[in-house]
C-alpha atoms as a PDB file:
ATOM      1  CA  MET A   1       0.024   0.041  -0.327  1.00  0.00           C
ATOM      2  CA  ALA A   2       0.974   3.986  -0.722  1.00  0.00           C
ATOM      3  CA  MET A   3       2.308   5.790   2.128  1.00  0.00           C
ATOM      4  CA  GLY A   4       1.349   9.391   1.761  1.00  0.00           C
ATOM      5  CA  SER A   5       3.482  12.116   2.589  1.00  0.00           C
ATOM      6  CA  PHE A   6       2.770  15.531   4.134  1.00  0.00           C
ATOM      7  CA  ASP A   7       4.990  17.022   1.477  1.00  0.00           C
ATOM      8  CA  PRO A   8       2.224  19.165  -1.119  1.00  0.00           C
ATOM      9  CA  ARG A   9       5.007  18.962  -4.002  1.00  0.00           C
ATOM     10  CA  ARG A  10       5.335  15.349  -3.940  1.00  0.00           C
ATOM     11  CA  GLY A  11       2.256  13.539  -6.111  1.00  0.00           C
ATOM     12  CA  PRO A  12       0.942  10.095  -5.353  1.00  0.00           C
ATOM     13  CA  GLY A  13       3.566   7.556  -6.134  1.00  0.00           C
ATOM     14  CA  PRO A  14       2.902   4.350  -8.614  1.00  0.00           C
ATOM     15  CA  MET A  15       0.273   1.729  -6.708  1.00  0.00           C
ATOM     16  CA  ALA A  16       1.978  -1.440  -5.827  1.00  0.00           C
ATOM     17  CA  ASP A  17      -1.041  -3.488  -4.673  1.00  0.00           C
ATOM     18  CA  ILE A  18      -2.415  -5.976  -6.927  1.00  0.00           C
ATOM     19  CA  ASN A  19      -6.084  -6.406  -7.718  1.00  0.00           C
ATOM     20  CA  VAL A  20      -6.890 -10.166  -6.890  1.00  0.00           C
ATOM     21  CA  VAL A  21     -10.958  -9.834  -7.110  1.00  0.00           C
ATOM     22  CA  PRO A  22     -11.097 -10.051 -10.932  1.00  0.00           C
ATOM     23  CA  LEU A  23      -9.047 -13.135 -10.971  1.00  0.00           C
ATOM     24  CA  VAL A  24     -11.076 -14.743  -8.271  1.00  0.00           C
ATOM     25  CA  ASP A  25     -13.836 -13.997 -10.480  1.00  0.00           C
ATOM     26  CA  VAL A  26     -12.521 -15.610 -13.696  1.00  0.00           C
ATOM     27  CA  MET A  27     -11.212 -18.749 -11.742  1.00  0.00           C
ATOM     28  CA  LEU A  28     -14.254 -19.393 -10.007  1.00  0.00           C
ATOM     29  CA  VAL A  29     -16.697 -18.906 -13.566  1.00  0.00           C
ATOM     30  CA  LEU A  30     -13.756 -21.661 -14.999  1.00  0.00           C
ATOM     31  CA  LEU A  31     -14.627 -24.108 -11.822  1.00  0.00           C
ATOM     32  CA  VAL A  32     -18.192 -24.272 -12.654  1.00  0.00           C
ATOM     33  CA  ILE A  33     -17.715 -24.396 -16.317  1.00  0.00           C
ATOM     34  CA  PHE A  34     -15.757 -27.554 -15.598  1.00  0.00           C
ATOM     35  CA  ILE A  35     -18.310 -28.854 -12.848  1.00  0.00           C
ATOM     36  CA  ILE A  36     -20.826 -28.585 -15.400  1.00  0.00           C
ATOM     37  CA  THR A  37     -19.371 -29.891 -18.653  1.00  0.00           C
ATOM     38  CA  THR A  38     -17.449 -33.163 -16.553  1.00  0.00           C
ATOM     39  CA  PRO A  39     -20.169 -35.237 -16.550  1.00  0.00           C
ATOM     40  CA  LEU A  40     -21.286 -34.588 -20.283  1.00  0.00           C
ATOM     41  CA  LEU A  41     -17.819 -35.819 -21.169  1.00  0.00           C
ATOM     42  CA  THR A  42     -17.931 -39.774 -20.008  1.00  0.00           C
ATOM     43  CA  ASN A  43     -19.574 -41.696 -22.890  1.00  0.00           C
ATOM     44  CA  ALA A  44     -21.104 -44.621 -21.155  1.00  0.00           C
ATOM     45  CA  VAL A  45     -24.027 -46.402 -22.855  1.00  0.00           C
ATOM     46  CA  LYS A  46     -26.387 -48.496 -20.777  1.00  0.00           C
ATOM     47  CA  ILE A  47     -26.386 -51.694 -22.580  1.00  0.00           C
ATOM     48  CA  ASP A  48     -28.567 -54.825 -21.397  1.00  0.00           C
ATOM     49  CA  LEU A  49     -26.180 -57.351 -21.496  1.00  0.00           C
ATOM     50  CA  PRO A  50     -27.238 -61.300 -21.063  1.00  0.00           C
ATOM     51  CA  LYS A  51     -26.511 -63.384 -17.748  1.00  0.00           C
ATOM     52  CA  ALA A  52     -24.662 -66.415 -18.278  1.00  0.00           C
ATOM     53  CA  SER A  53     -23.302 -68.856 -15.505  1.00  0.00           C
ATOM     54  CA  SER A  54     -20.294 -70.667 -16.094  1.00  0.00           C
ATOM     55  CA  ALA A  55     -17.403 -71.551 -14.254  1.00  0.00           C
ATOM     56  CA  PRO A  56     -13.652 -70.922 -15.100  1.00  0.00           C
ATOM     57  CA  ASN A  57     -11.842 -73.487 -16.874  1.00  0.00           C
ATOM     58  CA  ILE A  58      -8.608 -74.207 -14.921  1.00  0.00           C
ATOM     59  CA  THR A  59      -6.421 -76.795 -17.064  1.00  0.00           C
ATOM     60  CA  LYS A  60      -3.680 -77.792 -15.027  1.00  0.00           C
ATOM     61  CA  SER A  61       0.075 -78.102 -17.703  1.00  0.00           C
ATOM     62  CA  ALA A  62       1.320 -81.191 -17.723  1.00  0.00           C
ATOM     63  CA  HIS A  63       3.661 -82.088 -14.941  1.00  0.00           C
ATOM     64  CA  ILE A  64       7.134 -84.285 -14.396  1.00  0.00           C
ATOM     65  CA  GLU A  65       7.525 -84.706 -10.219  1.00  0.00           C
ATOM     66  CA  LEU A  66      11.260 -85.394  -9.875  1.00  0.00           C
ATOM     67  CA  GLY A  67      12.653 -86.681  -6.519  1.00  0.00           C
ATOM     68  CA  ILE A  68      15.976 -86.714  -5.538  1.00  0.00           C
ATOM     69  CA  ARG A  69      16.247 -87.939  -1.649  1.00  0.00           C
ATOM     70  CA  GLU A  70      19.682 -87.212   0.720  1.00  0.00           C
ATOM     71  CA  ASN A  71      20.916 -90.516  -0.190  1.00  0.00           C
ATOM     72  CA  GLY A  72      20.969 -89.942  -4.039  1.00  0.00           C
ATOM     73  CA  ASP A  73      17.807 -91.905  -4.840  1.00  0.00           C
ATOM     74  CA  LEU A  74      16.300 -90.496  -7.830  1.00  0.00           C
ATOM     75  CA  TYR A  75      12.660 -90.663  -8.463  1.00  0.00           C
ATOM     76  CA  TRP A  76      10.247 -89.864 -11.861  1.00  0.00           C
ATOM     77  CA  ASN A  77       6.696 -89.213 -10.893  1.00  0.00           C
ATOM     78  CA  GLY A  78       7.036 -91.398  -8.055  1.00  0.00           C
ATOM     79  CA  GLU A  79       9.099 -94.159  -9.723  1.00  0.00           C
ATOM     80  CA  LYS A  80      12.824 -94.965  -8.383  1.00  0.00           C
ATOM     81  CA  VAL A  81      15.017 -94.565 -11.820  1.00  0.00           C
ATOM     82  CA  THR A  82      18.625 -94.489 -12.478  1.00  0.00           C
ATOM     83  CA  MET A  83      20.772 -91.297 -13.524  1.00  0.00           C
ATOM     84  CA  ASP A  84      20.631 -93.249 -17.243  1.00  0.00           C
ATOM     85  CA  GLN A  85      17.579 -93.373 -17.417  1.00  0.00           C
ATOM     86  CA  PHE A  86      16.565 -89.404 -17.292  1.00  0.00           C
ATOM     87  CA  ALA A  87      18.200 -88.646 -20.717  1.00  0.00           C
ATOM     88  CA  PRO A  88      15.713 -90.659 -22.891  1.00  0.00           C
ATOM     89  CA  ARG A  89      12.328 -89.781 -20.874  1.00  0.00           C
ATOM     90  CA  PHE A  90      13.467 -86.300 -20.767  1.00  0.00           C
ATOM     91  CA  GLU A  91      13.741 -86.269 -24.367  1.00  0.00           C
ATOM     92  CA  THR A  92      10.184 -87.487 -24.854  1.00  0.00           C
ATOM     93  CA  ALA A  93       8.588 -85.330 -22.427  1.00  0.00           C
ATOM     94  CA  ALA A  94      10.232 -82.192 -24.963  1.00  0.00           C
ATOM     95  CA  LYS A  95       8.612 -83.316 -27.588  1.00  0.00           C
ATOM     96  CA  GLU A  96       5.360 -83.465 -26.334  1.00  0.00           C
ATOM     97  CA  GLN A  97       2.725 -80.109 -26.899  1.00  0.00           C
ATOM     98  CA  PRO A  98       2.298 -78.368 -24.604  1.00  0.00           C
ATOM     99  CA  GLN A  99       5.831 -79.135 -23.270  1.00  0.00           C
ATOM    100  CA  PRO A 100       5.713 -80.242 -19.801  1.00  0.00           C
ATOM    101  CA  GLU A 101       6.929 -78.550 -16.396  1.00  0.00           C
ATOM    102  CA  LEU A 102       9.576 -80.114 -14.415  1.00  0.00           C
ATOM    103  CA  HIS A 103       9.292 -79.767 -10.585  1.00  0.00           C
ATOM    104  CA  ILE A 104      12.375 -80.864  -9.002  1.00  0.00           C
ATOM    105  CA  ARG A 105      12.145 -82.013  -5.420  1.00  0.00           C
ATOM    106  CA  ALA A 106      15.932 -82.213  -4.252  1.00  0.00           C
ATOM    107  CA  ASP A 107      16.335 -83.444   0.070  1.00  0.00           C
ATOM    108  CA  ARG A 108      17.777 -80.069   1.795  1.00  0.00           C
ATOM    109  CA  HIS A 109      20.843 -82.321   2.002  1.00  0.00           C
ATOM    110  CA  ALA A 110      20.968 -83.861  -1.571  1.00  0.00           C
ATOM    111  CA  GLU A 111      24.325 -83.311  -3.252  1.00  0.00           C
ATOM    112  CA  TYR A 112      24.297 -80.287  -5.358  1.00  0.00           C
ATOM    113  CA  GLY A 113      26.088 -82.203  -8.054  1.00  0.00           C
ATOM    114  CA  ALA A 114      23.168 -84.944  -8.726  1.00  0.00           C
ATOM    115  CA  VAL A 115      20.583 -81.762  -8.769  1.00  0.00           C
ATOM    116  CA  ALA A 116      23.085 -79.855 -11.619  1.00  0.00           C
ATOM    117  CA  LYS A 117      23.500 -83.138 -13.561  1.00  0.00           C
ATOM    118  CA  VAL A 118      19.859 -83.839 -13.482  1.00  0.00           C
ATOM    119  CA  MET A 119      18.878 -79.630 -14.540  1.00  0.00           C
ATOM    120  CA  SER A 120      21.712 -80.183 -16.932  1.00  0.00           C
ATOM    121  CA  LEU A 121      20.634 -83.422 -18.709  1.00  0.00           C
ATOM    122  CA  ALA A 122      16.531 -81.324 -18.793  1.00  0.00           C
ATOM    123  CA  ALA A 123      18.092 -78.199 -20.630  1.00  0.00           C
ATOM    124  CA  ARG A 124      20.150 -80.662 -23.264  1.00  0.00           C
ATOM    125  CA  ALA A 125      17.034 -82.240 -23.993  1.00  0.00           C
ATOM    126  CA  GLY A 126      15.222 -78.993 -24.512  1.00  0.00           C
ATOM    127  CA  LEU A 127      13.053 -78.706 -21.239  1.00  0.00           C
ATOM    128  CA  THR A 128      12.635 -75.200 -20.709  1.00  0.00           C
ATOM    129  CA  ARG A 129      10.082 -75.485 -17.789  1.00  0.00           C
ATOM    130  CA  ILE A 130      12.532 -76.464 -14.502  1.00  0.00           C
ATOM    131  CA  GLY A 131      11.387 -75.269 -11.362  1.00  0.00           C
ATOM    132  CA  PHE A 132      12.049 -76.462  -7.645  1.00  0.00           C
ATOM    133  CA  VAL A 133       9.395 -77.052  -4.993  1.00  0.00           C
ATOM    134  CA  THR A 134      10.033 -75.992  -1.277  1.00  0.00           C
ATOM    135  CA  SER A 135       8.035 -75.990   1.741  1.00  0.00           C
ATOM    136  CA  PRO A 136       7.478 -72.794   3.637  1.00  0.00           C
ATOM    137  CA  ASP A 137       9.739 -71.931   6.449  1.00  0.00           C
ATOM    138  CA  GLN A 138       8.606 -73.295   9.760  1.00  0.00           C
ATOM    139  CA  ASP A 139      10.964 -71.975  12.150  1.00  0.00           C
END
């Protein structure tokens, strides 16, 4: 706000205040316009869709359960096998469509070499979906 002076020779100085009332008026008008036009922008068409009841189609992919015990015993879907029998079984499984998943259930104390060899044979045969089955940690 400009300060007045008692000196008659000095005229009023420039006004340094900003009048915000017109700005507020314009903003309120724009706000009202947006409030009114926003509901008109939704293009919702009410359609009475047919009702049908159905259950989801859950298809379980084929998988191979491979077990490796601590003492080195190997199991193919519960059947005891030897390491030499894996290569031909992996090759036939890799040719199936869709390709089955290989679930490896290795004992906690099983040798890492046996697990690595099984994974190597599976990858060499062309199986790409290999996973480890674990149990939740029971602390």
